[in-house]
Amino acid sequence: MSQARSRRAAALVPAVAVRQNEPEAPLFDPVDRDPAYTRVAAAIEAKILARELRAGDALPPETELAQQFRVHRSTVREALRRLESAGLIKRPRGAKRMVVSRPAAAQVASGMRHALVLHDVTFVAVWEAMMVIEPEVAALAAMRRTQADLAALAAAHEAFKASPQGDPHAVEIVARFFELLGAAARNQVLVLAKQSLTRALAPSLARMIDTVPQARSRISDAQRKIIASVREKNVDEARRWMSKHVRDFKRGYEVAGISPDTPISA
């Protein structure tokens, strides 16, 4: 190779090297820095969800947590408040330290109900979900119920029959009846799912019960038939009567002049 050609080739090498060493565009953008209390809460939550901390286990005192996380005690206190609001920890009466707990079903249902309201979920969407879930819950209850379950269902039924016209507690009793069936089904997933649905319908259900002339008698009759089916362990009848019961809700709403496209309220 001639000296001139060698010099030209050598002159190209630095340029190629420079291009090869050019930094590539980053694959990820920088993340936001969460407040310290958020990261403390997330770390404790991770231990709880990993079962390294179990229900009933006491957390270290706030001062010790602050030392372990190397943060101010006020940061730990705010993190614990967030976890307590989520139902993951609680302070037993008279206790100085927080202990790990499980969110109550009612607390989970309340959060889900708020989500349904904020997402403008309509009555008909909730009703469709109930048509899928409730008949199968009744069928499972017929297979798995105990004498205690039957007694609780009968008590709720009698309480509804005894509630006077205009009684605001009547809707709570109806919701309680559905929840007791869920408990009899022995399926915690269904219990958590159904509570939010029945509670979401409560405000408009109250309007329907005392507006539609036959609403109370039809609800009472359906409850009686469902209890009888569950008592006899008749799975098909329990499923059939619950389907009829939920369908009646939609008819009642229509008679009461409540549009199926109306968003549920808080």
C-alpha atoms as a PDB file:
ATOM      1  CA  MET A   1       0.000   0.000   0.000  1.00  0.00           C
ATOM      2  CA  SER A   2       1.383   3.443  -0.860  1.00  0.00           C
ATOM      3  CA  GLN A   3       2.253   5.848   1.937  1.00  0.00           C
ATOM      4  CA  ALA A   4      -0.403   8.336   0.731  1.00  0.00           C
ATOM      5  CA  ARG A   5      -3.120   5.692   0.815  1.00  0.00           C
ATOM      6  CA  SER A   6      -2.016   4.568   4.301  1.00  0.00           C
ATOM      7  CA  ARG A   7      -2.217   8.140   5.577  1.00  0.00           C
ATOM      8  CA  ARG A   8      -5.756   8.518   4.196  1.00  0.00           C
ATOM      9  CA  ALA A   9      -6.864   5.229   5.845  1.00  0.00           C
ATOM     10  CA  ALA A  10      -5.328   6.279   9.169  1.00  0.00           C
ATOM     11  CA  ALA A  11      -7.138   9.603   8.984  1.00  0.00           C
ATOM     12  CA  LEU A  12     -10.472   7.765   8.807  1.00  0.00           C
ATOM     13  CA  VAL A  13      -9.863   5.692  11.946  1.00  0.00           C
ATOM     14  CA  PRO A  14     -10.433   8.440  14.539  1.00  0.00           C
ATOM     15  CA  ALA A  15     -13.696   9.484  12.885  1.00  0.00           C
ATOM     16  CA  VAL A  16     -14.989   5.908  12.924  1.00  0.00           C
ATOM     17  CA  ALA A  17     -13.885   5.496  16.524  1.00  0.00           C
ATOM     18  CA  VAL A  18     -15.658   8.690  17.489  1.00  0.00           C
ATOM     19  CA  ARG A  19     -18.888   7.456  15.858  1.00  0.00           C
ATOM     20  CA  GLN A  20     -18.590   4.117  17.644  1.00  0.00           C
ATOM     21  CA  ASN A  21     -18.089   5.827  21.007  1.00  0.00           C
ATOM     22  CA  GLU A  22     -21.032   8.165  20.613  1.00  0.00           C
ATOM     23  CA  PRO A  23     -23.506   7.554  23.506  1.00  0.00           C
ATOM     24  CA  GLU A  24     -26.747   5.907  22.487  1.00  0.00           C
ATOM     25  CA  ALA A  25     -30.085   7.496  23.285  1.00  0.00           C
ATOM     26  CA  PRO A  26     -31.255   6.367  26.782  1.00  0.00           C
ATOM     27  CA  LEU A  27     -33.815   3.576  26.840  1.00  0.00           C
ATOM     28  CA  PHE A  28     -35.591   4.923  29.950  1.00  0.00           C
ATOM     29  CA  ASP A  29     -36.485   8.370  31.189  1.00  0.00           C
ATOM     30  CA  PRO A  30     -35.537   9.424  34.721  1.00  0.00           C
ATOM     31  CA  VAL A  31     -38.110   8.448  37.338  1.00  0.00           C
ATOM     32  CA  ASP A  32     -39.730  10.856  39.750  1.00  0.00           C
ATOM     33  CA  ARG A  33     -38.371  10.747  43.262  1.00  0.00           C
ATOM     34  CA  ASP A  34     -41.138   9.633  45.593  1.00  0.00           C
ATOM     35  CA  PRO A  35     -41.353  11.234  49.036  1.00  0.00           C
ATOM     36  CA  ALA A  36     -39.496   9.325  51.730  1.00  0.00           C
ATOM     37  CA  TYR A  37     -42.690   8.347  53.563  1.00  0.00           C
ATOM     38  CA  THR A  38     -44.011   6.721  50.374  1.00  0.00           C
ATOM     39  CA  ARG A  39     -40.882   4.608  50.066  1.00  0.00           C
ATOM     40  CA  VAL A  40     -41.019   3.656  53.758  1.00  0.00           C
ATOM     41  CA  ALA A  41     -44.667   2.617  53.414  1.00  0.00           C
ATOM     42  CA  ALA A  42     -43.862   0.618  50.263  1.00  0.00           C
ATOM     43  CA  ALA A  43     -41.016  -1.206  52.018  1.00  0.00           C
ATOM     44  CA  ILE A  44     -43.207  -2.204  54.970  1.00  0.00           C
ATOM     45  CA  GLU A  45     -46.051  -3.173  52.619  1.00  0.00           C
ATOM     46  CA  ALA A  46     -43.671  -5.393  50.637  1.00  0.00           C
ATOM     47  CA  LYS A  47     -42.736  -7.261  53.826  1.00  0.00           C
ATOM     48  CA  ILE A  48     -46.424  -7.758  54.656  1.00  0.00           C
ATOM     49  CA  LEU A  49     -47.345  -8.980  51.177  1.00  0.00           C
ATOM     50  CA  ALA A  50     -44.345 -11.327  51.175  1.00  0.00           C
ATOM     51  CA  ARG A  51     -45.688 -12.806  54.458  1.00  0.00           C
ATOM     52  CA  GLU A  52     -42.455 -11.856  56.218  1.00  0.00           C
ATOM     53  CA  LEU A  53     -44.749  -9.867  58.493  1.00  0.00           C
ATOM     54  CA  ARG A  54     -47.997 -11.663  59.303  1.00  0.00           C
ATOM     55  CA  ALA A  55     -51.292 -10.602  60.820  1.00  0.00           C
ATOM     56  CA  GLY A  56     -50.766  -9.925  64.525  1.00  0.00           C
ATOM     57  CA  ASP A  57     -47.016  -9.268  64.246  1.00  0.00           C
ATOM     58  CA  ALA A  58     -45.989  -6.050  65.990  1.00  0.00           C
ATOM     59  CA  LEU A  59     -43.935  -3.506  64.075  1.00  0.00           C
ATOM     60  CA  PRO A  60     -40.838  -2.022  65.738  1.00  0.00           C
ATOM     61  CA  PRO A  61     -41.400   1.275  67.586  1.00  0.00           C
ATOM     62  CA  GLU A  62     -41.392   4.448  65.484  1.00  0.00           C
ATOM     63  CA  THR A  63     -37.981   5.504  66.778  1.00  0.00           C
ATOM     64  CA  GLU A  64     -36.442   2.170  65.813  1.00  0.00           C
ATOM     65  CA  LEU A  65     -38.076   2.258  62.371  1.00  0.00           C
ATOM     66  CA  ALA A  66     -36.705   5.757  61.860  1.00  0.00           C
ATOM     67  CA  GLN A  67     -33.210   4.499  62.692  1.00  0.00           C
ATOM     68  CA  GLN A  68     -33.525   1.490  60.379  1.00  0.00           C
ATOM     69  CA  PHE A  69     -34.785   3.567  57.447  1.00  0.00           C
ATOM     70  CA  ARG A  70     -32.481   6.504  58.345  1.00  0.00           C
ATOM     71  CA  VAL A  71     -35.332   8.983  58.140  1.00  0.00           C
ATOM     72  CA  HIS A  72     -37.049  11.360  60.542  1.00  0.00           C
ATOM     73  CA  ARG A  73     -39.642   9.964  62.924  1.00  0.00           C
ATOM     74  CA  SER A  74     -42.282  12.195  61.297  1.00  0.00           C
ATOM     75  CA  THR A  75     -41.606  10.402  58.004  1.00  0.00           C
ATOM     76  CA  VAL A  76     -42.220   7.031  59.652  1.00  0.00           C
ATOM     77  CA  ARG A  77     -45.393   8.341  61.291  1.00  0.00           C
ATOM     78  CA  GLU A  78     -46.795   9.473  57.925  1.00  0.00           C
ATOM     79  CA  ALA A  79     -45.917   6.110  56.335  1.00  0.00           C
ATOM     80  CA  LEU A  80     -47.717   4.273  59.138  1.00  0.00           C
ATOM     81  CA  ARG A  81     -50.781   6.488  58.672  1.00  0.00           C
ATOM     82  CA  ARG A  82     -50.938   5.482  55.014  1.00  0.00           C
ATOM     83  CA  LEU A  83     -50.659   1.787  55.850  1.00  0.00           C
ATOM     84  CA  GLU A  84     -53.296   2.114  58.567  1.00  0.00           C
ATOM     85  CA  SER A  85     -55.689   3.789  56.117  1.00  0.00           C
ATOM     86  CA  ALA A  86     -55.148   0.872  53.738  1.00  0.00           C
ATOM     87  CA  GLY A  87     -56.039  -1.577  56.514  1.00  0.00           C
ATOM     88  CA  LEU A  88     -52.617  -3.237  56.492  1.00  0.00           C
ATOM     89  CA  ILE A  89     -51.756  -2.245  60.059  1.00  0.00           C
ATOM     90  CA  LYS A  90     -53.706  -1.143  63.116  1.00  0.00           C
ATOM     91  CA  ARG A  91     -53.128  -0.073  66.693  1.00  0.00           C
ATOM     92  CA  PRO A  92     -55.036  -2.336  69.122  1.00  0.00           C
ATOM     93  CA  ARG A  93     -56.786  -0.640  72.007  1.00  0.00           C
ATOM     94  CA  GLY A  94     -54.271   0.257  74.708  1.00  0.00           C
ATOM     95  CA  ALA A  95     -51.264  -0.804  72.602  1.00  0.00           C
ATOM     96  CA  LYS A  96     -48.285   1.431  71.898  1.00  0.00           C
ATOM     97  CA  ARG A  97     -47.104  -0.337  68.747  1.00  0.00           C
ATOM     98  CA  MET A  98     -48.773  -0.967  65.417  1.00  0.00           C
ATOM     99  CA  VAL A  99     -49.519  -4.546  64.457  1.00  0.00           C
ATOM    100  CA  VAL A 100     -50.036  -6.097  61.036  1.00  0.00           C
ATOM    101  CA  SER A 101     -53.669  -6.646  60.094  1.00  0.00           C
ATOM    102  CA  ARG A 102     -55.771  -7.699  57.128  1.00  0.00           C
ATOM    103  CA  PRO A 103     -58.130  -5.196  55.472  1.00  0.00           C
ATOM    104  CA  ALA A 104     -61.713  -5.952  56.474  1.00  0.00           C
ATOM    105  CA  ALA A 105     -64.027  -7.061  53.681  1.00  0.00           C
ATOM    106  CA  ALA A 106     -66.189  -3.984  54.240  1.00  0.00           C
ATOM    107  CA  GLN A 107     -63.144  -1.729  53.865  1.00  0.00           C
ATOM    108  CA  VAL A 108     -62.129  -3.393  50.604  1.00  0.00           C
ATOM    109  CA  ALA A 109     -65.714  -3.152  49.326  1.00  0.00           C
ATOM    110  CA  SER A 110     -65.890   0.523  50.235  1.00  0.00           C
ATOM    111  CA  GLY A 111     -62.755   1.297  48.245  1.00  0.00           C
ATOM    112  CA  MET A 112     -64.071  -0.641  45.264  1.00  0.00           C
ATOM    113  CA  ARG A 113     -67.416   1.128  45.480  1.00  0.00           C
ATOM    114  CA  HIS A 114     -65.675   4.497  45.412  1.00  0.00           C
ATOM    115  CA  ALA A 115     -63.745   3.376  42.321  1.00  0.00           C
ATOM    116  CA  LEU A 116     -66.996   2.371  40.589  1.00  0.00           C
ATOM    117  CA  VAL A 117     -68.509   5.767  41.353  1.00  0.00           C
ATOM    118  CA  LEU A 118     -65.453   7.691  40.158  1.00  0.00           C
ATOM    119  CA  HIS A 119     -65.406   5.702  36.911  1.00  0.00           C
ATOM    120  CA  ASP A 120     -69.074   6.616  36.238  1.00  0.00           C
ATOM    121  CA  VAL A 121     -70.143   2.973  36.250  1.00  0.00           C
ATOM    122  CA  THR A 122     -73.847   2.697  35.433  1.00  0.00           C
ATOM    123  CA  PHE A 123     -76.569   0.749  37.188  1.00  0.00           C
ATOM    124  CA  VAL A 124     -76.961  -1.630  34.259  1.00  0.00           C
ATOM    125  CA  ALA A 125     -73.231  -2.489  34.348  1.00  0.00           C
ATOM    126  CA  VAL A 126     -73.467  -3.360  38.042  1.00  0.00           C
ATOM    127  CA  TRP A 127     -76.663  -5.309  37.421  1.00  0.00           C
ATOM    128  CA  GLU A 128     -75.017  -7.344  34.644  1.00  0.00           C
ATOM    129  CA  ALA A 129     -72.146  -8.210  36.975  1.00  0.00           C
ATOM    130  CA  MET A 130     -74.621  -9.290  39.661  1.00  0.00           C
ATOM    131  CA  MET A 131     -76.445 -11.495  37.143  1.00  0.00           C
ATOM    132  CA  VAL A 132     -73.164 -13.314  36.555  1.00  0.00           C
ATOM    133  CA  ILE A 133     -71.996 -13.565  40.172  1.00  0.00           C
ATOM    134  CA  GLU A 134     -75.026 -13.830  42.462  1.00  0.00           C
ATOM    135  CA  PRO A 135     -76.696 -16.993  41.036  1.00  0.00           C
ATOM    136  CA  GLU A 136     -73.417 -18.904  41.318  1.00  0.00           C
ATOM    137  CA  VAL A 137     -72.905 -17.622  44.857  1.00  0.00           C
ATOM    138  CA  ALA A 138     -76.361 -18.930  45.779  1.00  0.00           C
ATOM    139  CA  ALA A 139     -75.512 -22.287  44.195  1.00  0.00           C
ATOM    140  CA  LEU A 140     -72.284 -22.555  46.188  1.00  0.00           C
ATOM    141  CA  ALA A 141     -74.138 -21.561  49.355  1.00  0.00           C
ATOM    142  CA  ALA A 142     -76.596 -24.402  48.756  1.00  0.00           C
ATOM    143  CA  MET A 143     -73.677 -26.827  48.619  1.00  0.00           C
ATOM    144  CA  ARG A 144     -71.657 -25.495  51.548  1.00  0.00           C
ATOM    145  CA  ARG A 145     -74.051 -23.847  54.013  1.00  0.00           C
ATOM    146  CA  THR A 146     -74.048 -24.644  57.706  1.00  0.00           C
ATOM    147  CA  GLN A 147     -76.868 -24.452  60.255  1.00  0.00           C
ATOM    148  CA  ALA A 148     -75.366 -21.183  61.475  1.00  0.00           C
ATOM    149  CA  ASP A 149     -75.576 -19.787  57.920  1.00  0.00           C
ATOM    150  CA  LEU A 150     -79.243 -20.759  57.681  1.00  0.00           C
ATOM    151  CA  ALA A 151     -80.012 -19.127  61.022  1.00  0.00           C
ATOM    152  CA  ALA A 152     -78.294 -15.888  59.960  1.00  0.00           C
ATOM    153  CA  LEU A 153     -80.142 -15.806  56.625  1.00  0.00           C
ATOM    154  CA  ALA A 154     -83.476 -16.438  58.344  1.00  0.00           C
ATOM    155  CA  ALA A 155     -82.780 -13.644  60.840  1.00  0.00           C
ATOM    156  CA  ALA A 156     -81.999 -11.195  58.033  1.00  0.00           C
ATOM    157  CA  HIS A 157     -85.166 -12.231  56.214  1.00  0.00           C
ATOM    158  CA  GLU A 158     -87.298 -11.673  59.331  1.00  0.00           C
ATOM    159  CA  ALA A 159     -85.638  -8.310  59.937  1.00  0.00           C
ATOM    160  CA  PHE A 160     -86.505  -7.186  56.418  1.00  0.00           C
ATOM    161  CA  LYS A 161     -90.120  -8.291  56.759  1.00  0.00           C
ATOM    162  CA  ALA A 162     -90.393  -6.378  60.043  1.00  0.00           C
ATOM    163  CA  SER A 163     -88.885  -3.154  58.679  1.00  0.00           C
ATOM    164  CA  PRO A 164     -91.564  -0.468  58.226  1.00  0.00           C
ATOM    165  CA  GLN A 165     -92.203   1.474  55.036  1.00  0.00           C
ATOM    166  CA  GLY A 166     -89.598   4.171  54.629  1.00  0.00           C
ATOM    167  CA  ASP A 167     -87.139   2.522  57.012  1.00  0.00           C
ATOM    168  CA  PRO A 168     -83.630   3.530  55.833  1.00  0.00           C
ATOM    169  CA  HIS A 169     -82.220   0.332  57.358  1.00  0.00           C
ATOM    170  CA  ALA A 170     -84.212  -1.858  54.952  1.00  0.00           C
ATOM    171  CA  VAL A 171     -81.565  -1.492  52.246  1.00  0.00           C
ATOM    172  CA  GLU A 172     -78.827  -2.414  54.716  1.00  0.00           C
ATOM    173  CA  ILE A 173     -80.753  -5.578  55.541  1.00  0.00           C
ATOM    174  CA  VAL A 174     -81.052  -6.467  51.845  1.00  0.00           C
ATOM    175  CA  ALA A 175     -77.302  -5.938  51.401  1.00  0.00           C
ATOM    176  CA  ARG A 176     -76.682  -8.015  54.513  1.00  0.00           C
ATOM    177  CA  PHE A 177     -78.716 -10.884  53.062  1.00  0.00           C
ATOM    178  CA  PHE A 178     -76.475 -10.949  49.979  1.00  0.00           C
ATOM    179  CA  GLU A 179     -73.357 -10.804  52.146  1.00  0.00           C
ATOM    180  CA  LEU A 180     -74.543 -13.709  54.296  1.00  0.00           C
ATOM    181  CA  LEU A 181     -75.050 -15.800  51.168  1.00  0.00           C
ATOM    182  CA  GLY A 182     -71.501 -14.951  50.168  1.00  0.00           C
ATOM    183  CA  ALA A 183     -70.237 -16.106  53.549  1.00  0.00           C
ATOM    184  CA  ALA A 184     -72.173 -19.361  53.153  1.00  0.00           C
ATOM    185  CA  ALA A 185     -70.515 -19.897  49.755  1.00  0.00           C
ATOM    186  CA  ARG A 186     -67.117 -20.085  51.482  1.00  0.00           C
ATOM    187  CA  ASN A 187     -65.328 -18.213  48.699  1.00  0.00           C
ATOM    188  CA  GLN A 188     -63.473 -15.117  49.870  1.00  0.00           C
ATOM    189  CA  VAL A 189     -62.937 -13.790  46.332  1.00  0.00           C
ATOM    190  CA  LEU A 190     -66.678 -13.767  45.702  1.00  0.00           C
ATOM    191  CA  VAL A 191     -67.338 -12.214  49.115  1.00  0.00           C
ATOM    192  CA  LEU A 192     -65.057  -9.283  48.321  1.00  0.00           C
ATOM    193  CA  ALA A 193     -66.398  -8.878  44.782  1.00  0.00           C
ATOM    194  CA  LYS A 194     -70.091  -8.973  45.695  1.00  0.00           C
ATOM    195  CA  GLN A 195     -69.942  -6.607  48.630  1.00  0.00           C
ATOM    196  CA  SER A 196     -68.851  -3.717  46.455  1.00  0.00           C
ATOM    197  CA  LEU A 197     -71.643  -4.431  43.965  1.00  0.00           C
ATOM    198  CA  THR A 198     -74.477  -4.633  46.486  1.00  0.00           C
ATOM    199  CA  ARG A 199     -73.210  -1.565  48.327  1.00  0.00           C
ATOM    200  CA  ALA A 200     -72.935   0.341  45.045  1.00  0.00           C
ATOM    201  CA  LEU A 201     -76.646  -0.206  44.400  1.00  0.00           C
ATOM    202  CA  ALA A 202     -77.730   0.815  47.911  1.00  0.00           C
ATOM    203  CA  PRO A 203     -78.638   4.500  47.313  1.00  0.00           C
ATOM    204  CA  SER A 204     -80.847   3.850  44.293  1.00  0.00           C
ATOM    205  CA  LEU A 205     -82.169   0.604  45.788  1.00  0.00           C
ATOM    206  CA  ALA A 206     -83.529   2.617  48.715  1.00  0.00           C
ATOM    207  CA  ARG A 207     -85.454   4.792  46.286  1.00  0.00           C
ATOM    208  CA  MET A 208     -86.812   1.759  44.438  1.00  0.00           C
ATOM    209  CA  ILE A 209     -87.954  -0.202  47.503  1.00  0.00           C
ATOM    210  CA  ASP A 210     -90.343   2.470  48.732  1.00  0.00           C
ATOM    211  CA  THR A 211     -91.441   3.670  45.278  1.00  0.00           C
ATOM    212  CA  VAL A 212     -92.491   0.409  43.613  1.00  0.00           C
ATOM    213  CA  PRO A 213     -95.660  -0.943  45.323  1.00  0.00           C
ATOM    214  CA  GLN A 214     -94.719  -4.646  45.154  1.00  0.00           C
ATOM    215  CA  ALA A 215     -90.972  -4.261  45.691  1.00  0.00           C
ATOM    216  CA  ARG A 216     -90.974  -5.248  49.351  1.00  0.00           C
ATOM    217  CA  SER A 217     -93.211  -8.273  48.903  1.00  0.00           C
ATOM    218  CA  ARG A 218     -91.215  -9.531  45.908  1.00  0.00           C
ATOM    219  CA  ILE A 219     -87.898  -9.131  47.740  1.00  0.00           C
ATOM    220  CA  SER A 220     -89.289 -10.917  50.786  1.00  0.00           C
ATOM    221  CA  ASP A 221     -90.691 -13.757  48.676  1.00  0.00           C
ATOM    222  CA  ALA A 222     -87.417 -14.196  46.788  1.00  0.00           C
ATOM    223  CA  GLN A 223     -85.445 -14.290  50.040  1.00  0.00           C
ATOM    224  CA  ARG A 224     -87.794 -16.953  51.417  1.00  0.00           C
ATOM    225  CA  LYS A 225     -87.442 -19.131  48.303  1.00  0.00           C
ATOM    226  CA  ILE A 226     -83.659 -18.742  48.239  1.00  0.00           C
ATOM    227  CA  ILE A 227     -83.387 -19.724  51.905  1.00  0.00           C
ATOM    228  CA  ALA A 228     -85.572 -22.786  51.299  1.00  0.00           C
ATOM    229  CA  SER A 229     -83.409 -23.858  48.351  1.00  0.00           C
ATOM    230  CA  VAL A 230     -80.215 -23.360  50.319  1.00  0.00           C
ATOM    231  CA  ARG A 231     -81.643 -25.262  53.295  1.00  0.00           C
ATOM    232  CA  GLU A 232     -82.582 -28.197  51.029  1.00  0.00           C
ATOM    233  CA  LYS A 233     -79.188 -28.017  49.286  1.00  0.00           C
ATOM    234  CA  ASN A 234     -81.026 -27.666  45.978  1.00  0.00           C
ATOM    235  CA  VAL A 235     -78.323 -26.056  43.863  1.00  0.00           C
ATOM    236  CA  ASP A 236     -80.423 -25.573  40.732  1.00  0.00           C
ATOM    237  CA  GLU A 237     -83.322 -23.950  42.598  1.00  0.00           C
ATOM    238  CA  ALA A 238     -80.992 -21.666  44.535  1.00  0.00           C
ATOM    239  CA  ARG A 239     -79.408 -20.528  41.278  1.00  0.00           C
ATOM    240  CA  ARG A 240     -82.804 -20.080  39.589  1.00  0.00           C
ATOM    241  CA  TRP A 241     -84.365 -18.066  42.388  1.00  0.00           C
ATOM    242  CA  MET A 242     -81.359 -15.813  42.733  1.00  0.00           C
ATOM    243  CA  SER A 243     -81.427 -15.136  38.979  1.00  0.00           C
ATOM    244  CA  LYS A 244     -85.091 -14.218  39.280  1.00  0.00           C
ATOM    245  CA  HIS A 245     -84.361 -12.029  42.319  1.00  0.00           C
ATOM    246  CA  VAL A 246     -81.665 -10.038  40.515  1.00  0.00           C
ATOM    247  CA  ARG A 247     -83.833  -9.696  37.386  1.00  0.00           C
ATOM    248  CA  ASP A 248     -86.563  -8.234  39.594  1.00  0.00           C
ATOM    249  CA  PHE A 249     -84.180  -5.492  40.661  1.00  0.00           C
ATOM    250  CA  LYS A 250     -83.919  -4.285  37.065  1.00  0.00           C
ATOM    251  CA  ARG A 251     -87.698  -4.347  36.629  1.00  0.00           C
ATOM    252  CA  GLY A 252     -88.105  -2.420  39.860  1.00  0.00           C
ATOM    253  CA  TYR A 253     -85.674   0.244  38.734  1.00  0.00           C
ATOM    254  CA  GLU A 254     -87.524   0.629  35.459  1.00  0.00           C
ATOM    255  CA  VAL A 255     -90.877   1.014  37.275  1.00  0.00           C
ATOM    256  CA  ALA A 256     -89.298   3.558  39.629  1.00  0.00           C
ATOM    257  CA  GLY A 257     -88.178   5.592  36.620  1.00  0.00           C
ATOM    258  CA  ILE A 258     -84.472   5.060  37.229  1.00  0.00           C
ATOM    259  CA  SER A 259     -82.665   4.865  33.887  1.00  0.00           C
ATOM    260  CA  PRO A 260     -80.357   1.850  33.543  1.00  0.00           C
ATOM    261  CA  ASP A 261     -77.718   4.238  32.134  1.00  0.00           C
ATOM    262  CA  THR A 262     -77.723   6.335  35.318  1.00  0.00           C
ATOM    263  CA  PRO A 263     -74.307   6.309  36.981  1.00  0.00           C
ATOM    264  CA  ILE A 264     -74.342   4.827  40.445  1.00  0.00           C
ATOM    265  CA  SER A 265     -73.937   7.321  43.266  1.00  0.00           C
ATOM    266  CA  ALA A 266     -71.873   7.359  46.414  1.00  0.00           C
END
